[in-house]
Amino acid sequence: MKRYSHVKCIEDVIEDDIVVFKKGEIYKITGFDYRSLVYYVEPEYDEDGTLPDEFVIMALDRRFMFIIL
């Protein structure tokens, strides 16, 4: 299994009317859980502080392309 370092967002990811990940942007992967096959990713900068420090992305999520930088 490859050890990806970043994800590229393929389409905007919106939660609670807030754009968490923007299309075309690259985000750093902060961790990986081998048991559940999920990646932990830092979200877009949030001025209001309403977003958590990291989000969980499934390994098969088609909204993201996993890359090695």
C-alpha atoms as a PDB file:
ATOM      1  CA  MET A   1       0.000   0.000   0.000  1.00  0.00           C
ATOM      2  CA  LYS A   2       1.372   3.415  -0.989  1.00  0.00           C
ATOM      3  CA  ARG A   3       1.908   6.048   1.646  1.00  0.00           C
ATOM      4  CA  TYR A   4       0.220   9.128   0.249  1.00  0.00           C
ATOM      5  CA  SER A   5       1.228  12.523   1.629  1.00  0.00           C
ATOM      6  CA  HIS A   6      -1.468  14.794   0.167  1.00  0.00           C
ATOM      7  CA  VAL A   7      -4.911  14.824  -1.437  1.00  0.00           C
ATOM      8  CA  LYS A   8      -6.117  16.955  -4.323  1.00  0.00           C
ATOM      9  CA  CYS A   9      -9.762  17.960  -4.126  1.00  0.00           C
ATOM     10  CA  ILE A  10     -11.672  17.128  -7.311  1.00  0.00           C
ATOM     11  CA  GLU A  11     -14.936  18.859  -6.318  1.00  0.00           C
ATOM     12  CA  ASP A  12     -15.907  21.296  -3.556  1.00  0.00           C
ATOM     13  CA  VAL A  13     -16.722  19.615  -0.250  1.00  0.00           C
ATOM     14  CA  ILE A  14     -19.332  21.578   1.697  1.00  0.00           C
ATOM     15  CA  GLU A  15     -20.527  20.844   5.229  1.00  0.00           C
ATOM     16  CA  ASP A  16     -23.049  23.005   7.076  1.00  0.00           C
ATOM     17  CA  ASP A  17     -22.879  25.670   4.304  1.00  0.00           C
ATOM     18  CA  ILE A  18     -19.088  25.990   4.750  1.00  0.00           C
ATOM     19  CA  VAL A  19     -16.615  25.052   2.026  1.00  0.00           C
ATOM     20  CA  VAL A  20     -14.270  22.667   3.807  1.00  0.00           C
ATOM     21  CA  PHE A  21     -12.201  21.608   0.792  1.00  0.00           C
ATOM     22  CA  LYS A  22     -11.981  23.636  -2.441  1.00  0.00           C
ATOM     23  CA  LYS A  23     -11.838  22.109  -5.908  1.00  0.00           C
ATOM     24  CA  GLY A  24      -8.299  22.057  -7.323  1.00  0.00           C
ATOM     25  CA  GLU A  25      -6.581  22.660  -3.974  1.00  0.00           C
ATOM     26  CA  ILE A  26      -4.045  20.282  -2.398  1.00  0.00           C
ATOM     27  CA  TYR A  27      -4.265  19.362   1.294  1.00  0.00           C
ATOM     28  CA  LYS A  28      -1.827  17.633   3.637  1.00  0.00           C
ATOM     29  CA  ILE A  29      -2.631  14.204   5.046  1.00  0.00           C
ATOM     30  CA  THR A  30      -1.915  14.216   8.775  1.00  0.00           C
ATOM     31  CA  GLY A  31      -2.547  10.535   9.489  1.00  0.00           C
ATOM     32  CA  PHE A  32      -3.935   7.191   8.392  1.00  0.00           C
ATOM     33  CA  ASP A  33      -5.917   4.526  10.258  1.00  0.00           C
ATOM     34  CA  TYR A  34      -5.077   1.065   8.884  1.00  0.00           C
ATOM     35  CA  ARG A  35      -8.015  -0.632  10.609  1.00  0.00           C
ATOM     36  CA  SER A  36     -10.742   1.533   9.095  1.00  0.00           C
ATOM     37  CA  LEU A  37      -8.806   2.678   5.982  1.00  0.00           C
ATOM     38  CA  VAL A  38      -9.414   6.390   6.532  1.00  0.00           C
ATOM     39  CA  TYR A  39      -7.095   9.365   6.102  1.00  0.00           C
ATOM     40  CA  TYR A  40      -6.971  12.394   8.387  1.00  0.00           C
ATOM     41  CA  VAL A  41      -6.655  15.627   6.396  1.00  0.00           C
ATOM     42  CA  GLU A  42      -6.199  19.268   7.413  1.00  0.00           C
ATOM     43  CA  PRO A  43      -9.131  21.374   6.140  1.00  0.00           C
ATOM     44  CA  GLU A  44      -9.092  24.761   4.421  1.00  0.00           C
ATOM     45  CA  TYR A  45      -8.077  27.668   6.651  1.00  0.00           C
ATOM     46  CA  ASP A  46     -11.090  28.829   8.656  1.00  0.00           C
ATOM     47  CA  GLU A  47     -11.141  32.425   9.931  1.00  0.00           C
ATOM     48  CA  ASP A  48     -14.063  31.836  12.294  1.00  0.00           C
ATOM     49  CA  GLY A  49     -12.571  28.724  13.854  1.00  0.00           C
ATOM     50  CA  THR A  50     -15.723  26.715  13.187  1.00  0.00           C
ATOM     51  CA  LEU A  51     -13.950  23.785  11.484  1.00  0.00           C
ATOM     52  CA  PRO A  52     -12.157  20.994  13.333  1.00  0.00           C
ATOM     53  CA  ASP A  53      -8.363  20.663  13.018  1.00  0.00           C
ATOM     54  CA  GLU A  54      -8.710  17.639  10.743  1.00  0.00           C
ATOM     55  CA  PHE A  55     -11.320  15.720   8.773  1.00  0.00           C
ATOM     56  CA  VAL A  56     -11.679  12.016   8.066  1.00  0.00           C
ATOM     57  CA  ILE A  57     -11.667  10.978   4.397  1.00  0.00           C
ATOM     58  CA  MET A  58     -12.388   7.426   3.290  1.00  0.00           C
ATOM     59  CA  ALA A  59      -9.703   5.834   1.110  1.00  0.00           C
ATOM     60  CA  LEU A  60     -12.266   5.324  -1.693  1.00  0.00           C
ATOM     61  CA  ASP A  61     -13.722   8.859  -1.630  1.00  0.00           C
ATOM     62  CA  ARG A  62     -14.093   9.931  -5.273  1.00  0.00           C
ATOM     63  CA  ARG A  63     -14.014  13.636  -4.388  1.00  0.00           C
ATOM     64  CA  PHE A  64     -10.263  13.389  -3.776  1.00  0.00           C
ATOM     65  CA  MET A  65      -7.200  12.198  -5.660  1.00  0.00           C
ATOM     66  CA  PHE A  66      -4.494  10.799  -3.384  1.00  0.00           C
ATOM     67  CA  ILE A  67      -0.970  11.883  -4.337  1.00  0.00           C
ATOM     68  CA  ILE A  68       2.629  11.690  -3.137  1.00  0.00           C
ATOM     69  CA  LEU A  69       4.577  14.984  -3.046  1.00  0.00           C
END
